[in-house]
């Protein structure tokens, strides 16, 4: 959770700016918009994260709290990992081979690297949003 303060900015203006930024990015989609918050989904073929911007007006300034939910990353990639492990297990079972566990470790390592890349993608998208908003921030 990270807070930013924007000078002389209204909620609807901030929401319009976030919508415009998200519409130009191919990996960001507007998921939900309310009076006090706007939620974006970052996806690269599969849902990676939900980025939630919660806005509060304090005088003429706008306080924006950003929350990132990485839970979609795990519930969308874990079945792929389990499926790959099951395929390798069935191949080794029917082939009659036994004790080579290196393949399981390599698949798990590839999954961890994919998770790291997708988290990096999320923070890159957040950096792009902040870069476009930096002129307005106090």
C-alpha atoms as a PDB file:
ATOM      1  CA  UNK A   1       0.000   0.000   0.000  1.00  0.00           C
ATOM      2  CA  UNK A   2       1.515   3.278  -1.106  1.00  0.00           C
ATOM      3  CA  UNK A   3       0.094   6.784  -0.751  1.00  0.00           C
ATOM      4  CA  UNK A   4       0.494   9.712  -3.123  1.00  0.00           C
ATOM      5  CA  UNK A   5      -0.770  13.261  -2.739  1.00  0.00           C
ATOM      6  CA  UNK A   6      -1.944  15.249  -5.739  1.00  0.00           C
ATOM      7  CA  UNK A   7      -2.422  19.000  -5.553  1.00  0.00           C
ATOM      8  CA  UNK A   8      -5.704  20.604  -6.686  1.00  0.00           C
ATOM      9  CA  UNK A   9      -7.040  17.464  -8.354  1.00  0.00           C
ATOM     10  CA  UNK A  10     -10.548  16.078  -8.092  1.00  0.00           C
ATOM     11  CA  UNK A  11     -11.548  12.413  -7.927  1.00  0.00           C
ATOM     12  CA  UNK A  12     -13.252  12.335 -11.306  1.00  0.00           C
ATOM     13  CA  UNK A  13     -10.223  13.970 -12.973  1.00  0.00           C
ATOM     14  CA  UNK A  14      -7.900  11.353 -11.480  1.00  0.00           C
ATOM     15  CA  UNK A  15     -10.224   8.555 -12.576  1.00  0.00           C
ATOM     16  CA  UNK A  16     -10.352   9.948 -16.117  1.00  0.00           C
ATOM     17  CA  UNK A  17      -6.545  10.125 -16.230  1.00  0.00           C
ATOM     18  CA  UNK A  18      -6.204   6.511 -15.047  1.00  0.00           C
ATOM     19  CA  UNK A  19      -8.813   5.386 -17.594  1.00  0.00           C
ATOM     20  CA  UNK A  20      -6.947   7.166 -20.399  1.00  0.00           C
ATOM     21  CA  UNK A  21      -3.625   5.605 -19.372  1.00  0.00           C
ATOM     22  CA  UNK A  22      -5.170   2.133 -19.100  1.00  0.00           C
ATOM     23  CA  UNK A  23      -6.845   2.392 -22.492  1.00  0.00           C
ATOM     24  CA  UNK A  24      -3.488   3.090 -24.178  1.00  0.00           C
ATOM     25  CA  UNK A  25      -1.732   0.146 -22.505  1.00  0.00           C
ATOM     26  CA  UNK A  26      -2.426  -3.295 -23.954  1.00  0.00           C
ATOM     27  CA  UNK A  27      -1.879  -5.119 -20.647  1.00  0.00           C
ATOM     28  CA  UNK A  28      -4.158  -2.955 -18.492  1.00  0.00           C
ATOM     29  CA  UNK A  29      -7.946  -3.206 -18.428  1.00  0.00           C
ATOM     30  CA  UNK A  30     -10.408  -1.234 -16.357  1.00  0.00           C
ATOM     31  CA  UNK A  31     -12.171  -3.711 -14.106  1.00  0.00           C
ATOM     32  CA  UNK A  32     -14.289  -1.671 -11.730  1.00  0.00           C
ATOM     33  CA  UNK A  33     -14.922   1.999 -11.110  1.00  0.00           C
ATOM     34  CA  UNK A  34     -16.735   3.509  -8.141  1.00  0.00           C
ATOM     35  CA  UNK A  35     -16.877   7.007  -6.691  1.00  0.00           C
ATOM     36  CA  UNK A  36     -13.966   6.379  -4.328  1.00  0.00           C
ATOM     37  CA  UNK A  37     -11.831   3.835  -6.199  1.00  0.00           C
ATOM     38  CA  UNK A  38     -10.782   2.520  -9.550  1.00  0.00           C
ATOM     39  CA  UNK A  39      -9.548  -1.021 -10.130  1.00  0.00           C
ATOM     40  CA  UNK A  40      -7.344  -2.092 -13.026  1.00  0.00           C
ATOM     41  CA  UNK A  41      -6.405  -5.611 -14.067  1.00  0.00           C
ATOM     42  CA  UNK A  42      -2.930  -6.283 -15.384  1.00  0.00           C
ATOM     43  CA  UNK A  43      -2.852  -9.324 -17.631  1.00  0.00           C
ATOM     44  CA  UNK A  44      -0.446 -11.013 -19.998  1.00  0.00           C
ATOM     45  CA  UNK A  45      -2.639 -13.718 -21.481  1.00  0.00           C
ATOM     46  CA  UNK A  46      -3.700 -14.630 -17.943  1.00  0.00           C
ATOM     47  CA  UNK A  47      -4.755 -12.310 -15.118  1.00  0.00           C
ATOM     48  CA  UNK A  48      -1.628 -11.275 -13.252  1.00  0.00           C
ATOM     49  CA  UNK A  49      -2.768  -8.721 -10.686  1.00  0.00           C
ATOM     50  CA  UNK A  50      -5.398  -6.250  -9.619  1.00  0.00           C
ATOM     51  CA  UNK A  51      -4.253  -2.685  -9.003  1.00  0.00           C
ATOM     52  CA  UNK A  52      -6.639  -0.698  -6.865  1.00  0.00           C
ATOM     53  CA  UNK A  53      -6.432   3.103  -6.531  1.00  0.00           C
ATOM     54  CA  UNK A  54      -8.469   4.425  -3.580  1.00  0.00           C
ATOM     55  CA  UNK A  55      -9.001   8.193  -3.593  1.00  0.00           C
ATOM     56  CA  UNK A  56      -9.858  10.573  -0.760  1.00  0.00           C
ATOM     57  CA  UNK A  57     -10.223  14.318  -1.017  1.00  0.00           C
ATOM     58  CA  UNK A  58      -8.490  16.310   1.695  1.00  0.00           C
ATOM     59  CA  UNK A  59      -9.172  19.988   1.195  1.00  0.00           C
ATOM     60  CA  UNK A  60      -8.126  20.841  -2.356  1.00  0.00           C
ATOM     61  CA  UNK A  61      -5.701  17.926  -2.497  1.00  0.00           C
ATOM     62  CA  UNK A  62      -6.321  14.327  -3.434  1.00  0.00           C
ATOM     63  CA  UNK A  63      -4.817  11.467  -1.430  1.00  0.00           C
ATOM     64  CA  UNK A  64      -4.453   8.302  -3.530  1.00  0.00           C
ATOM     65  CA  UNK A  65      -3.710   4.948  -1.929  1.00  0.00           C
ATOM     66  CA  UNK A  66      -2.498   2.188  -4.245  1.00  0.00           C
ATOM     67  CA  UNK A  67      -2.981  -1.490  -3.426  1.00  0.00           C
ATOM     68  CA  UNK A  68      -1.733  -4.421  -5.468  1.00  0.00           C
ATOM     69  CA  UNK A  69      -3.359  -7.844  -5.288  1.00  0.00           C
ATOM     70  CA  UNK A  70      -1.148 -10.615  -6.719  1.00  0.00           C
ATOM     71  CA  UNK A  71      -3.561 -13.426  -5.816  1.00  0.00           C
ATOM     72  CA  UNK A  72      -4.817 -13.811  -9.446  1.00  0.00           C
ATOM     73  CA  UNK A  73      -1.258 -14.612 -10.488  1.00  0.00           C
ATOM     74  CA  UNK A  74      -1.138 -17.667  -8.272  1.00  0.00           C
ATOM     75  CA  UNK A  75      -4.635 -19.008  -8.899  1.00  0.00           C
ATOM     76  CA  UNK A  76      -4.133 -18.729 -12.655  1.00  0.00           C
ATOM     77  CA  UNK A  77      -0.619 -20.221 -12.884  1.00  0.00           C
ATOM     78  CA  UNK A  78      -0.797 -22.939 -10.231  1.00  0.00           C
ATOM     79  CA  UNK A  79      -3.080 -25.207 -12.346  1.00  0.00           C
ATOM     80  CA  UNK A  80      -0.589 -24.912 -15.221  1.00  0.00           C
ATOM     81  CA  UNK A  81       2.238 -26.024 -12.929  1.00  0.00           C
ATOM     82  CA  UNK A  82       0.214 -28.948 -11.616  1.00  0.00           C
ATOM     83  CA  UNK A  83      -0.753 -29.982 -15.150  1.00  0.00           C
ATOM     84  CA  UNK A  84       2.870 -29.934 -16.335  1.00  0.00           C
ATOM     85  CA  UNK A  85       4.008 -31.945 -13.319  1.00  0.00           C
ATOM     86  CA  UNK A  86       1.206 -34.495 -13.919  1.00  0.00           C
ATOM     87  CA  UNK A  87       2.156 -34.879 -17.588  1.00  0.00           C
ATOM     88  CA  UNK A  88       5.787 -35.498 -16.690  1.00  0.00           C
ATOM     89  CA  UNK A  89       4.746 -37.964 -13.978  1.00  0.00           C
ATOM     90  CA  UNK A  90       2.508 -39.902 -16.409  1.00  0.00           C
ATOM     91  CA  UNK A  91       5.219 -40.011 -19.076  1.00  0.00           C
ATOM     92  CA  UNK A  92       7.785 -41.327 -16.610  1.00  0.00           C
ATOM     93  CA  UNK A  93       5.255 -43.794 -15.140  1.00  0.00           C
ATOM     94  CA  UNK A  94       4.298 -45.350 -18.474  1.00  0.00           C
ATOM     95  CA  UNK A  95       7.828 -45.286 -19.783  1.00  0.00           C
ATOM     96  CA  UNK A  96       8.895 -47.331 -16.799  1.00  0.00           C
ATOM     97  CA  UNK A  97      11.639 -44.953 -15.741  1.00  0.00           C
ATOM     98  CA  UNK A  98      11.974 -44.033 -12.174  1.00  0.00           C
ATOM     99  CA  UNK A  99      14.296 -41.923 -10.170  1.00  0.00           C
ATOM    100  CA  UNK A 100      15.043 -38.889 -12.344  1.00  0.00           C
ATOM    101  CA  UNK A 101      13.571 -35.986 -10.367  1.00  0.00           C
ATOM    102  CA  UNK A 102      15.561 -33.320 -12.181  1.00  0.00           C
ATOM    103  CA  UNK A 103      12.717 -32.687 -14.630  1.00  0.00           C
ATOM    104  CA  UNK A 104      10.314 -31.875 -11.772  1.00  0.00           C
ATOM    105  CA  UNK A 105      12.793 -29.382 -10.361  1.00  0.00           C
ATOM    106  CA  UNK A 106      13.325 -27.783 -13.766  1.00  0.00           C
ATOM    107  CA  UNK A 107       9.579 -27.325 -14.271  1.00  0.00           C
ATOM    108  CA  UNK A 108       9.243 -25.809 -10.794  1.00  0.00           C
ATOM    109  CA  UNK A 109      12.173 -23.481 -11.515  1.00  0.00           C
ATOM    110  CA  UNK A 110      10.599 -22.402 -14.816  1.00  0.00           C
ATOM    111  CA  UNK A 111       7.346 -21.685 -12.959  1.00  0.00           C
ATOM    112  CA  UNK A 112       9.195 -19.557 -10.386  1.00  0.00           C
ATOM    113  CA  UNK A 113      10.941 -17.637 -13.170  1.00  0.00           C
ATOM    114  CA  UNK A 114       7.602 -17.068 -14.902  1.00  0.00           C
ATOM    115  CA  UNK A 115       6.113 -15.778 -11.624  1.00  0.00           C
ATOM    116  CA  UNK A 116       9.065 -13.405 -11.208  1.00  0.00           C
ATOM    117  CA  UNK A 117       8.619 -12.110 -14.766  1.00  0.00           C
ATOM    118  CA  UNK A 118       4.885 -11.536 -14.287  1.00  0.00           C
ATOM    119  CA  UNK A 119       5.444  -9.667 -11.008  1.00  0.00           C
ATOM    120  CA  UNK A 120       8.057  -7.566 -12.785  1.00  0.00           C
ATOM    121  CA  UNK A 121       5.483  -6.855 -15.511  1.00  0.00           C
ATOM    122  CA  UNK A 122       3.008  -5.627 -12.900  1.00  0.00           C
ATOM    123  CA  UNK A 123       5.491  -3.224 -11.369  1.00  0.00           C
ATOM    124  CA  UNK A 124       6.548  -2.024 -14.822  1.00  0.00           C
ATOM    125  CA  UNK A 125       2.939  -1.136 -15.581  1.00  0.00           C
ATOM    126  CA  UNK A 126       2.654   0.693 -12.261  1.00  0.00           C
ATOM    127  CA  UNK A 127       5.840   2.587 -13.082  1.00  0.00           C
ATOM    128  CA  UNK A 128       4.350   3.625 -16.436  1.00  0.00           C
ATOM    129  CA  UNK A 129       1.213   4.902 -14.694  1.00  0.00           C
ATOM    130  CA  UNK A 130       3.249   6.858 -12.153  1.00  0.00           C
ATOM    131  CA  UNK A 131       5.517   8.235 -14.889  1.00  0.00           C
ATOM    132  CA  UNK A 132       2.507   9.702 -16.685  1.00  0.00           C
ATOM    133  CA  UNK A 133       1.078  11.098 -13.451  1.00  0.00           C
ATOM    134  CA  UNK A 134       4.324  12.558 -12.051  1.00  0.00           C
ATOM    135  CA  UNK A 135       3.698  16.070 -13.347  1.00  0.00           C
ATOM    136  CA  UNK A 136       0.599  16.385 -11.215  1.00  0.00           C
ATOM    137  CA  UNK A 137       1.995  14.924  -7.984  1.00  0.00           C
ATOM    138  CA  UNK A 138       3.032  17.252  -5.140  1.00  0.00           C
END
